């Protein structure tokens, strides 16, 4: 590879990592072309970039960044699963794929500016998606208001029932 092409590859890779919310570093040794293609397809569907780059070039791209802590993991064939905005998406796709393909090894990752272990990545992968978490938070915030509205409704219904019963009692006593 010509020097100019390497410089361009490093710059493109660094731009891809720049501002990434989550990065998962994987070892794909032993996976056949069909399996890697399937993984790339699943990553693409989830909005995750799955990039294979030489370790030497990857080291250059992460040097002097907060991701430099990933450098010790760069040994052997590596692939980078990167998502710009979702902290869980890359971990979820790679972990799900690794369940069916034992040869795919997760080496570690980087989430929101912090180095994370394989165990932490797998714990992240078990979390529900961002939309589900937001819905759960919203439901938690809405529950007290819904309870209050239900209590007021029951109070008004009880008052209306009491007034109705009083009116019936008055009409029966007046008619008799």
N, C-alpha and C. Protein backbone atom coordinates (compact mmCIF):
# COMPACT_ATOMS: atom_id res chain seq x y z
N UNK A 1 0.85 -1.16 0.00
CA UNK A 1 0.00 0.00 0.00
C UNK A 1 0.90 1.23 0.00
N UNK A 2 0.65 2.14 -0.86
CA UNK A 2 1.46 3.36 -0.95
C UNK A 2 1.27 4.21 0.29
N UNK A 3 2.26 5.01 0.60
CA UNK A 3 2.24 5.84 1.79
C UNK A 3 1.04 6.78 1.79
N UNK A 4 0.73 7.37 0.64
CA UNK A 4 -0.40 8.29 0.55
C UNK A 4 -1.71 7.56 0.85
N UNK A 5 -1.83 6.35 0.37
CA UNK A 5 -3.04 5.56 0.62
C UNK A 5 -3.14 5.20 2.10
N UNK A 6 -2.01 4.91 2.74
CA UNK A 6 -2.03 4.59 4.17
C UNK A 6 -2.45 5.81 4.98
N UNK A 7 -1.90 6.97 4.62
CA UNK A 7 -2.25 8.20 5.33
C UNK A 7 -3.75 8.45 5.20
N UNK A 8 -4.29 8.27 4.01
CA UNK A 8 -5.72 8.47 3.77
C UNK A 8 -6.53 7.46 4.58
N UNK A 9 -6.08 6.20 4.62
CA UNK A 9 -6.79 5.17 5.38
C UNK A 9 -6.81 5.51 6.87
N UNK A 10 -5.68 5.99 7.39
CA UNK A 10 -5.61 6.37 8.80
C UNK A 10 -6.54 7.55 9.08
N UNK A 11 -6.55 8.54 8.19
CA UNK A 11 -7.42 9.70 8.38
C UNK A 11 -8.89 9.31 8.34
N UNK A 12 -9.27 8.46 7.41
CA UNK A 12 -10.66 8.02 7.30
C UNK A 12 -11.08 7.23 8.53
N UNK A 13 -10.18 6.36 8.98
CA UNK A 13 -10.48 5.55 10.17
C UNK A 13 -10.60 6.45 11.40
N UNK A 14 -9.70 7.42 11.53
CA UNK A 14 -9.75 8.34 12.66
C UNK A 14 -11.03 9.16 12.64
N UNK A 15 -11.48 9.57 11.46
CA UNK A 15 -12.74 10.30 11.35
C UNK A 15 -13.92 9.41 11.74
N UNK A 16 -13.86 8.14 11.36
CA UNK A 16 -14.92 7.20 11.73
C UNK A 16 -15.00 6.99 13.22
N UNK A 17 -13.84 7.00 13.89
CA UNK A 17 -13.81 6.82 15.34
C UNK A 17 -14.13 8.12 16.07
N UNK A 18 -13.85 9.24 15.43
CA UNK A 18 -14.04 10.54 16.08
C UNK A 18 -15.47 10.74 16.51
N UNK A 19 -15.66 10.98 17.77
CA UNK A 19 -17.00 11.21 18.29
C UNK A 19 -17.86 9.97 18.39
N UNK A 20 -17.25 8.80 18.22
CA UNK A 20 -18.03 7.56 18.31
C UNK A 20 -18.51 7.35 19.74
N UNK A 21 -19.74 6.94 19.87
CA UNK A 21 -20.31 6.69 21.18
C UNK A 21 -19.89 5.32 21.72
N UNK A 22 -19.73 4.36 20.80
CA UNK A 22 -19.29 3.04 21.24
C UNK A 22 -18.43 2.37 20.18
N UNK A 23 -17.41 1.65 20.66
CA UNK A 23 -16.51 0.91 19.80
C UNK A 23 -16.32 -0.47 20.43
N UNK A 24 -16.45 -1.52 19.63
CA UNK A 24 -16.22 -2.88 20.11
C UNK A 24 -15.12 -3.48 19.24
N UNK A 25 -14.07 -3.95 19.88
CA UNK A 25 -12.94 -4.55 19.18
C UNK A 25 -13.10 -6.07 19.20
N UNK A 26 -13.07 -6.68 18.02
CA UNK A 26 -13.29 -8.12 17.92
C UNK A 26 -12.14 -8.81 17.20
N UNK A 27 -11.97 -10.09 17.50
CA UNK A 27 -11.02 -10.96 16.80
C UNK A 27 -11.87 -11.92 15.97
N UNK A 28 -11.72 -11.84 14.67
CA UNK A 28 -12.56 -12.64 13.78
C UNK A 28 -11.82 -13.84 13.21
N UNK A 29 -10.71 -14.25 13.82
CA UNK A 29 -9.94 -15.39 13.35
C UNK A 29 -10.82 -16.64 13.32
N UNK A 30 -10.79 -17.33 12.20
CA UNK A 30 -11.53 -18.58 12.07
C UNK A 30 -12.91 -18.43 11.44
N UNK A 31 -13.39 -17.21 11.29
CA UNK A 31 -14.68 -17.02 10.64
C UNK A 31 -14.50 -17.10 9.14
N UNK A 32 -15.41 -17.78 8.47
CA UNK A 32 -15.33 -17.84 7.01
C UNK A 32 -15.95 -16.59 6.40
N UNK A 33 -15.79 -16.44 5.11
CA UNK A 33 -16.26 -15.24 4.41
C UNK A 33 -17.77 -15.08 4.56
N UNK A 34 -18.51 -16.15 4.51
CA UNK A 34 -19.97 -16.07 4.64
C UNK A 34 -20.37 -15.53 6.01
N UNK A 35 -19.69 -15.97 7.06
CA UNK A 35 -20.00 -15.51 8.42
C UNK A 35 -19.66 -14.03 8.58
N UNK A 36 -18.51 -13.62 8.07
CA UNK A 36 -18.12 -12.21 8.16
C UNK A 36 -19.10 -11.35 7.36
N UNK A 37 -19.52 -11.83 6.21
CA UNK A 37 -20.50 -11.09 5.41
C UNK A 37 -21.83 -10.95 6.14
N UNK A 38 -22.23 -12.02 6.81
CA UNK A 38 -23.46 -11.98 7.59
C UNK A 38 -23.33 -10.97 8.74
N UNK A 39 -22.18 -10.96 9.41
CA UNK A 39 -21.94 -10.01 10.50
C UNK A 39 -21.98 -8.58 9.97
N UNK A 40 -21.34 -8.34 8.84
CA UNK A 40 -21.37 -6.99 8.25
C UNK A 40 -22.79 -6.57 7.91
N UNK A 41 -23.59 -7.49 7.40
CA UNK A 41 -24.98 -7.20 7.04
C UNK A 41 -25.79 -6.83 8.30
N UNK A 42 -25.58 -7.58 9.38
CA UNK A 42 -26.29 -7.29 10.63
C UNK A 42 -25.85 -5.96 11.22
N UNK A 43 -24.57 -5.68 11.12
CA UNK A 43 -24.05 -4.40 11.61
C UNK A 43 -24.65 -3.25 10.81
N UNK A 44 -24.65 -3.39 9.50
CA UNK A 44 -25.19 -2.34 8.63
C UNK A 44 -26.66 -2.07 8.96
N UNK A 45 -27.42 -3.15 9.21
CA UNK A 45 -28.84 -3.00 9.53
C UNK A 45 -29.05 -2.24 10.84
N UNK A 46 -28.09 -2.37 11.77
CA UNK A 46 -28.20 -1.69 13.07
C UNK A 46 -27.52 -0.32 13.06
N UNK A 47 -26.96 0.07 11.92
CA UNK A 47 -26.28 1.36 11.85
C UNK A 47 -24.88 1.35 12.40
N UNK A 48 -24.30 0.16 12.51
CA UNK A 48 -22.95 -0.01 13.06
C UNK A 48 -21.98 -0.17 11.90
N UNK A 49 -20.87 0.56 11.95
CA UNK A 49 -19.81 0.39 10.96
C UNK A 49 -18.89 -0.73 11.43
N UNK A 50 -18.63 -1.71 10.58
CA UNK A 50 -17.75 -2.82 10.90
C UNK A 50 -16.52 -2.69 10.01
N UNK A 51 -15.40 -2.31 10.60
CA UNK A 51 -14.20 -1.95 9.85
C UNK A 51 -13.05 -2.87 10.20
N UNK A 52 -12.36 -3.35 9.17
CA UNK A 52 -11.13 -4.12 9.36
C UNK A 52 -9.99 -3.24 8.84
N UNK A 53 -9.00 -3.02 9.71
CA UNK A 53 -7.85 -2.19 9.35
C UNK A 53 -6.62 -2.78 10.01
N UNK A 54 -5.48 -2.62 9.38
CA UNK A 54 -4.24 -3.14 9.94
C UNK A 54 -3.99 -2.51 11.30
N UNK A 55 -3.43 -3.32 12.20
CA UNK A 55 -3.18 -2.84 13.56
C UNK A 55 -2.24 -1.64 13.59
N UNK A 56 -1.24 -1.65 12.74
CA UNK A 56 -0.28 -0.55 12.70
C UNK A 56 -0.99 0.76 12.33
N UNK A 57 -1.89 0.69 11.37
CA UNK A 57 -2.63 1.88 10.96
C UNK A 57 -3.64 2.29 12.04
N UNK A 58 -4.25 1.31 12.69
CA UNK A 58 -5.19 1.61 13.77
C UNK A 58 -4.48 2.30 14.93
N UNK A 59 -3.28 1.85 15.26
CA UNK A 59 -2.50 2.49 16.32
C UNK A 59 -2.25 3.95 15.99
N UNK A 60 -1.91 4.22 14.74
CA UNK A 60 -1.67 5.61 14.33
C UNK A 60 -2.94 6.45 14.48
N UNK A 61 -4.07 5.86 14.16
CA UNK A 61 -5.33 6.60 14.22
C UNK A 61 -5.75 6.90 15.66
N UNK A 62 -5.46 6.00 16.59
CA UNK A 62 -5.91 6.21 17.98
C UNK A 62 -4.86 6.89 18.84
N UNK A 63 -3.65 7.08 18.32
CA UNK A 63 -2.61 7.74 19.09
C UNK A 63 -3.05 9.16 19.42
N UNK A 64 -2.78 9.55 20.63
CA UNK A 64 -3.11 10.89 21.14
C UNK A 64 -4.61 11.13 21.20
N UNK A 65 -5.40 10.07 21.32
CA UNK A 65 -6.84 10.20 21.57
C UNK A 65 -7.16 9.43 22.85
N UNK A 66 -8.36 9.57 23.32
CA UNK A 66 -8.75 8.84 24.52
C UNK A 66 -8.84 7.34 24.26
N UNK A 67 -8.93 6.94 22.98
CA UNK A 67 -9.02 5.52 22.64
C UNK A 67 -7.65 4.84 22.61
N UNK A 68 -6.62 5.57 22.96
CA UNK A 68 -5.28 5.00 22.96
C UNK A 68 -5.16 3.83 23.93
N UNK A 69 -6.07 3.76 24.89
CA UNK A 69 -6.06 2.66 25.85
C UNK A 69 -6.42 1.32 25.20
N UNK A 70 -6.94 1.36 23.97
CA UNK A 70 -7.24 0.12 23.24
C UNK A 70 -5.99 -0.48 22.60
N UNK A 71 -4.89 0.28 22.52
CA UNK A 71 -3.68 -0.16 21.82
C UNK A 71 -3.15 -1.52 22.29
N UNK A 72 -3.13 -1.83 23.59
CA UNK A 72 -2.63 -3.15 24.00
C UNK A 72 -3.45 -4.33 23.46
N UNK A 73 -4.68 -4.09 23.07
CA UNK A 73 -5.53 -5.16 22.55
C UNK A 73 -5.28 -5.44 21.07
N UNK A 74 -4.49 -4.61 20.43
CA UNK A 74 -4.25 -4.74 18.99
C UNK A 74 -3.18 -5.78 18.72
N UNK A 75 -3.60 -7.02 18.68
CA UNK A 75 -2.70 -8.12 18.34
C UNK A 75 -3.51 -9.11 17.52
N UNK A 76 -2.99 -9.51 16.38
CA UNK A 76 -3.70 -10.43 15.51
C UNK A 76 -4.77 -9.72 14.72
N UNK A 77 -5.59 -10.47 14.01
CA UNK A 77 -6.65 -9.86 13.19
C UNK A 77 -7.72 -9.21 14.07
N UNK A 78 -8.01 -7.96 13.79
CA UNK A 78 -9.01 -7.22 14.55
C UNK A 78 -10.01 -6.58 13.60
N UNK A 79 -11.21 -6.42 14.12
CA UNK A 79 -12.23 -5.66 13.42
C UNK A 79 -12.86 -4.73 14.45
N UNK A 80 -13.27 -3.58 13.99
CA UNK A 80 -13.83 -2.55 14.85
C UNK A 80 -15.30 -2.36 14.51
N UNK A 81 -16.17 -2.54 15.50
CA UNK A 81 -17.59 -2.25 15.34
C UNK A 81 -17.83 -0.89 16.00
N UNK A 82 -18.27 0.08 15.21
CA UNK A 82 -18.36 1.47 15.68
C UNK A 82 -19.77 2.00 15.44
N UNK A 83 -20.33 2.64 16.48
CA UNK A 83 -21.60 3.34 16.32
C UNK A 83 -21.43 4.75 16.84
N UNK A 84 -21.93 5.72 16.10
CA UNK A 84 -21.73 7.13 16.43
C UNK A 84 -22.58 7.61 17.60
N UNK A 85 -23.80 7.13 17.74
CA UNK A 85 -24.69 7.71 18.74
C UNK A 85 -25.19 6.75 19.81
N UNK A 86 -25.34 5.49 19.50
CA UNK A 86 -25.92 4.53 20.45
C UNK A 86 -24.82 3.76 21.18
N UNK A 87 -24.85 3.80 22.49
CA UNK A 87 -23.83 3.13 23.29
C UNK A 87 -24.00 1.61 23.31
N UNK A 88 -25.18 1.14 23.01
CA UNK A 88 -25.50 -0.28 23.15
C UNK A 88 -25.47 -1.04 21.82
N UNK A 89 -25.73 -0.36 20.71
CA UNK A 89 -25.96 -1.03 19.43
C UNK A 89 -24.80 -1.93 19.00
N UNK A 90 -23.58 -1.43 19.03
CA UNK A 90 -22.44 -2.23 18.57
C UNK A 90 -22.25 -3.46 19.45
N UNK A 91 -22.33 -3.27 20.77
CA UNK A 91 -22.18 -4.40 21.69
C UNK A 91 -23.27 -5.43 21.49
N UNK A 92 -24.49 -4.96 21.26
CA UNK A 92 -25.63 -5.86 21.09
C UNK A 92 -25.47 -6.72 19.82
N UNK A 93 -25.13 -6.10 18.70
CA UNK A 93 -24.99 -6.82 17.44
C UNK A 93 -23.87 -7.84 17.52
N UNK A 94 -22.72 -7.41 18.03
CA UNK A 94 -21.55 -8.30 18.09
C UNK A 94 -21.80 -9.44 19.08
N UNK A 95 -22.39 -9.15 20.23
CA UNK A 95 -22.66 -10.20 21.23
C UNK A 95 -23.66 -11.22 20.71
N UNK A 96 -24.72 -10.75 20.04
CA UNK A 96 -25.70 -11.67 19.47
C UNK A 96 -25.06 -12.57 18.42
N UNK A 97 -24.21 -11.99 17.60
CA UNK A 97 -23.54 -12.77 16.56
C UNK A 97 -22.57 -13.77 17.19
N UNK A 98 -21.87 -13.37 18.25
CA UNK A 98 -20.90 -14.24 18.90
C UNK A 98 -21.57 -15.45 19.57
N UNK A 99 -22.85 -15.33 19.93
CA UNK A 99 -23.56 -16.47 20.52
C UNK A 99 -23.66 -17.62 19.52
N UNK A 100 -23.88 -17.28 18.26
CA UNK A 100 -24.03 -18.30 17.22
C UNK A 100 -22.71 -18.69 16.57
N UNK A 101 -21.69 -17.86 16.70
CA UNK A 101 -20.39 -18.10 16.08
C UNK A 101 -19.30 -17.99 17.14
N UNK A 102 -18.94 -19.13 17.71
CA UNK A 102 -18.00 -19.16 18.82
C UNK A 102 -16.61 -18.65 18.45
N UNK A 103 -16.29 -18.63 17.18
CA UNK A 103 -14.95 -18.19 16.76
C UNK A 103 -14.78 -16.68 16.84
N UNK A 104 -15.86 -15.94 16.87
CA UNK A 104 -15.78 -14.49 17.02
C UNK A 104 -15.53 -14.17 18.49
N UNK A 105 -14.42 -13.51 18.76
CA UNK A 105 -14.05 -13.17 20.14
C UNK A 105 -14.12 -11.66 20.32
N UNK A 106 -14.73 -11.25 21.39
CA UNK A 106 -14.77 -9.83 21.74
C UNK A 106 -13.56 -9.56 22.61
N UNK A 107 -12.76 -8.59 22.23
CA UNK A 107 -11.54 -8.26 22.98
C UNK A 107 -11.76 -7.17 24.01
N UNK A 108 -12.64 -6.26 23.73
CA UNK A 108 -12.88 -5.14 24.62
C UNK A 108 -13.59 -4.05 23.86
N UNK A 109 -13.70 -2.91 24.50
CA UNK A 109 -14.40 -1.82 23.83
C UNK A 109 -14.17 -0.49 24.49
N UNK A 110 -14.82 0.47 23.94
CA UNK A 110 -14.70 1.85 24.39
C UNK A 110 -16.08 2.47 24.28
N UNK A 111 -16.65 2.87 25.42
CA UNK A 111 -18.00 3.41 25.43
C UNK A 111 -17.99 4.75 26.17
N UNK A 112 -18.45 5.77 25.48
CA UNK A 112 -18.54 7.12 26.06
C UNK A 112 -17.26 7.55 26.77
N UNK A 113 -16.15 7.36 26.10
CA UNK A 113 -14.87 7.85 26.62
C UNK A 113 -14.21 6.96 27.65
N UNK A 114 -14.70 5.76 27.84
CA UNK A 114 -14.13 4.85 28.84
C UNK A 114 -13.84 3.50 28.23
N UNK A 115 -12.74 2.91 28.64
CA UNK A 115 -12.39 1.55 28.26
C UNK A 115 -13.31 0.61 29.01
N UNK A 116 -13.89 -0.36 28.32
CA UNK A 116 -14.78 -1.32 28.97
C UNK A 116 -14.32 -2.74 28.67
N UNK A 117 -14.55 -3.61 29.62
CA UNK A 117 -14.14 -5.01 29.49
C UNK A 117 -15.18 -5.80 28.71
N UNK A 118 -14.83 -7.04 28.43
CA UNK A 118 -15.75 -7.93 27.71
C UNK A 118 -17.02 -8.15 28.54
N UNK A 119 -16.87 -8.34 29.84
CA UNK A 119 -18.04 -8.54 30.70
C UNK A 119 -18.95 -7.32 30.70
N UNK A 120 -18.37 -6.15 30.74
CA UNK A 120 -19.17 -4.93 30.71
C UNK A 120 -19.89 -4.78 29.37
N UNK A 121 -19.21 -5.14 28.29
CA UNK A 121 -19.86 -5.08 26.97
C UNK A 121 -21.03 -6.04 26.89
N UNK A 122 -20.85 -7.23 27.44
CA UNK A 122 -21.95 -8.19 27.40
C UNK A 122 -23.11 -7.76 28.29
N UNK A 123 -22.80 -7.08 29.39
CA UNK A 123 -23.87 -6.53 30.22
C UNK A 123 -24.62 -5.43 29.47
N UNK A 124 -23.88 -4.60 28.73
CA UNK A 124 -24.50 -3.57 27.90
C UNK A 124 -25.40 -4.19 26.84
N UNK A 125 -24.94 -5.28 26.26
CA UNK A 125 -25.70 -5.93 25.19
C UNK A 125 -27.03 -6.48 25.69
N UNK A 126 -27.11 -6.78 26.97
CA UNK A 126 -28.35 -7.32 27.54
C UNK A 126 -29.38 -6.23 27.83
N UNK A 127 -28.94 -4.97 27.82
CA UNK A 127 -29.87 -3.87 28.06
C UNK A 127 -30.86 -3.76 26.90
N UNK A 128 -32.06 -3.31 27.20
CA UNK A 128 -33.00 -3.07 26.10
C UNK A 128 -32.51 -1.89 25.26
N UNK A 129 -33.07 -1.73 24.10
CA UNK A 129 -32.68 -0.65 23.20
C UNK A 129 -33.00 0.72 23.76
N UNK A 130 -32.45 1.73 23.15
CA UNK A 130 -32.60 3.11 23.61
C UNK A 130 -34.07 3.51 23.67
N UNK A 131 -34.84 3.16 22.64
CA UNK A 131 -36.25 3.53 22.60
C UNK A 131 -37.02 2.90 23.76
N UNK A 132 -36.70 1.64 24.06
CA UNK A 132 -37.38 0.94 25.15
C UNK A 132 -37.04 1.60 26.48
N UNK A 133 -35.75 1.93 26.68
CA UNK A 133 -35.35 2.59 27.93
C UNK A 133 -36.03 3.95 28.08
N UNK A 134 -36.10 4.70 27.00
CA UNK A 134 -36.78 6.00 27.06
C UNK A 134 -38.27 5.82 27.39
N UNK A 135 -38.88 4.81 26.80
CA UNK A 135 -40.30 4.54 27.08
C UNK A 135 -40.49 4.16 28.55
N UNK A 136 -39.56 3.38 29.11
CA UNK A 136 -39.65 3.00 30.52
C UNK A 136 -39.51 4.21 31.44
N UNK A 137 -38.59 5.10 31.10
CA UNK A 137 -38.41 6.32 31.90
C UNK A 137 -39.68 7.17 31.83
N UNK A 138 -40.21 7.33 30.63
CA UNK A 138 -41.43 8.12 30.45
C UNK A 138 -42.59 7.50 31.22
N UNK A 139 -42.72 6.19 31.17
CA UNK A 139 -43.79 5.51 31.91
C UNK A 139 -43.62 5.72 33.41
N UNK A 140 -42.36 5.68 33.87
CA UNK A 140 -42.10 5.91 35.29
C UNK A 140 -42.46 7.33 35.71
N UNK A 141 -42.23 8.28 34.82
CA UNK A 141 -42.58 9.67 35.12
C UNK A 141 -44.09 9.89 35.02
N UNK A 142 -44.73 9.15 34.15
CA UNK A 142 -46.15 9.33 33.91
C UNK A 142 -47.01 8.61 34.95
N UNK A 143 -46.48 7.56 35.57
CA UNK A 143 -47.26 6.75 36.50
C UNK A 143 -47.84 7.55 37.67
N UNK A 144 -47.07 8.41 38.35
CA UNK A 144 -47.68 9.18 39.45
C UNK A 144 -48.81 10.09 38.97
N UNK A 145 -48.64 10.69 37.80
CA UNK A 145 -49.69 11.57 37.28
C UNK A 145 -50.94 10.77 36.95
N UNK A 146 -50.75 9.59 36.37
CA UNK A 146 -51.90 8.74 36.04
C UNK A 146 -52.60 8.28 37.32
N UNK A 147 -51.83 7.96 38.35
CA UNK A 147 -52.41 7.56 39.63
C UNK A 147 -53.21 8.69 40.26
N UNK A 148 -52.67 9.90 40.18
CA UNK A 148 -53.36 11.07 40.72
C UNK A 148 -54.66 11.32 39.97
N UNK A 149 -54.60 11.23 38.64
CA UNK A 149 -55.80 11.42 37.82
C UNK A 149 -56.84 10.35 38.14
N UNK A 150 -56.40 9.13 38.35
CA UNK A 150 -57.33 8.04 38.71
C UNK A 150 -57.97 8.29 40.07
N UNK A 151 -57.17 8.79 41.03
CA UNK A 151 -57.71 9.07 42.36
C UNK A 151 -58.74 10.20 42.30
N UNK A 152 -58.45 11.26 41.53
CA UNK A 152 -59.41 12.36 41.38
C UNK A 152 -60.68 11.87 40.71
N UNK A 153 -60.53 11.04 39.70
CA UNK A 153 -61.68 10.51 38.98
C UNK A 153 -62.55 9.68 39.93
N UNK A 154 -61.90 8.85 40.75
CA UNK A 154 -62.66 8.03 41.70
C UNK A 154 -63.39 8.89 42.73
N UNK A 155 -62.73 9.97 43.16
CA UNK A 155 -63.33 10.89 44.11
C UNK A 155 -64.56 11.56 43.50
N UNK A 156 -64.43 12.03 42.27
CA UNK A 156 -65.55 12.67 41.59
C UNK A 156 -66.69 11.69 41.33
N UNK A 157 -66.32 10.45 40.96
CA UNK A 157 -67.34 9.43 40.72
C UNK A 157 -68.09 9.12 42.02
N UNK A 158 -67.36 9.04 43.13
CA UNK A 158 -67.99 8.80 44.43
C UNK A 158 -68.91 9.94 44.82
N UNK A 159 -68.47 11.16 44.57
CA UNK A 159 -69.30 12.33 44.89
C UNK A 159 -70.56 12.33 44.03
N UNK A 160 -70.42 12.02 42.74
CA UNK A 160 -71.58 11.99 41.84
C UNK A 160 -72.55 10.90 42.28
N UNK A 161 -72.05 9.76 42.70
CA UNK A 161 -72.89 8.66 43.16
C UNK A 161 -73.64 9.07 44.43
N UNK A 162 -72.94 9.77 45.34
CA UNK A 162 -73.58 10.22 46.59
C UNK A 162 -74.67 11.24 46.30
N UNK A 163 -74.40 12.19 45.40
CA UNK A 163 -75.40 13.20 45.04
C UNK A 163 -76.61 12.53 44.39
N UNK A 164 -76.37 11.56 43.52
CA UNK A 164 -77.45 10.84 42.85
C UNK A 164 -78.30 10.08 43.87
N UNK A 165 -77.63 9.42 44.81
CA UNK A 165 -78.36 8.67 45.84
C UNK A 165 -79.18 9.62 46.70
N UNK A 166 -78.62 10.78 47.02
CA UNK A 166 -79.34 11.76 47.82
C UNK A 166 -80.57 12.28 47.07
N UNK A 167 -80.37 12.51 45.76
CA UNK A 167 -81.49 13.00 44.93
C UNK A 167 -82.59 11.95 44.87
N UNK A 168 -82.24 10.69 44.72
CA UNK A 168 -83.25 9.62 44.68
C UNK A 168 -83.98 9.52 46.01
N UNK A 169 -83.21 9.65 47.10
CA UNK A 169 -83.80 9.55 48.42
C UNK A 169 -84.79 10.70 48.63
N UNK A 170 -84.45 11.90 48.20
CA UNK A 170 -85.32 13.07 48.33
C UNK A 170 -86.58 12.91 47.47
N UNK A 171 -86.40 12.37 46.26
CA UNK A 171 -87.55 12.22 45.39
C UNK A 171 -88.49 11.11 45.93
N UNK A 172 -87.94 10.08 46.54
CA UNK A 172 -88.77 9.01 47.11
C UNK A 172 -89.50 9.48 48.36
N UNK A 173 -88.79 10.27 49.17
CA UNK A 173 -89.42 10.76 50.40
C UNK A 173 -90.45 11.85 50.10
N UNK A 174 -90.21 12.61 49.04
CA UNK A 174 -91.16 13.64 48.64
C UNK A 174 -92.37 13.05 47.95
N UNK A 175 -92.22 11.95 47.27
CA UNK A 175 -93.30 11.30 46.55
C UNK A 175 -94.18 10.51 47.50
N UNK A 176 -93.62 10.06 48.63
CA UNK A 176 -94.39 9.22 49.53
C UNK A 176 -95.25 9.97 50.47
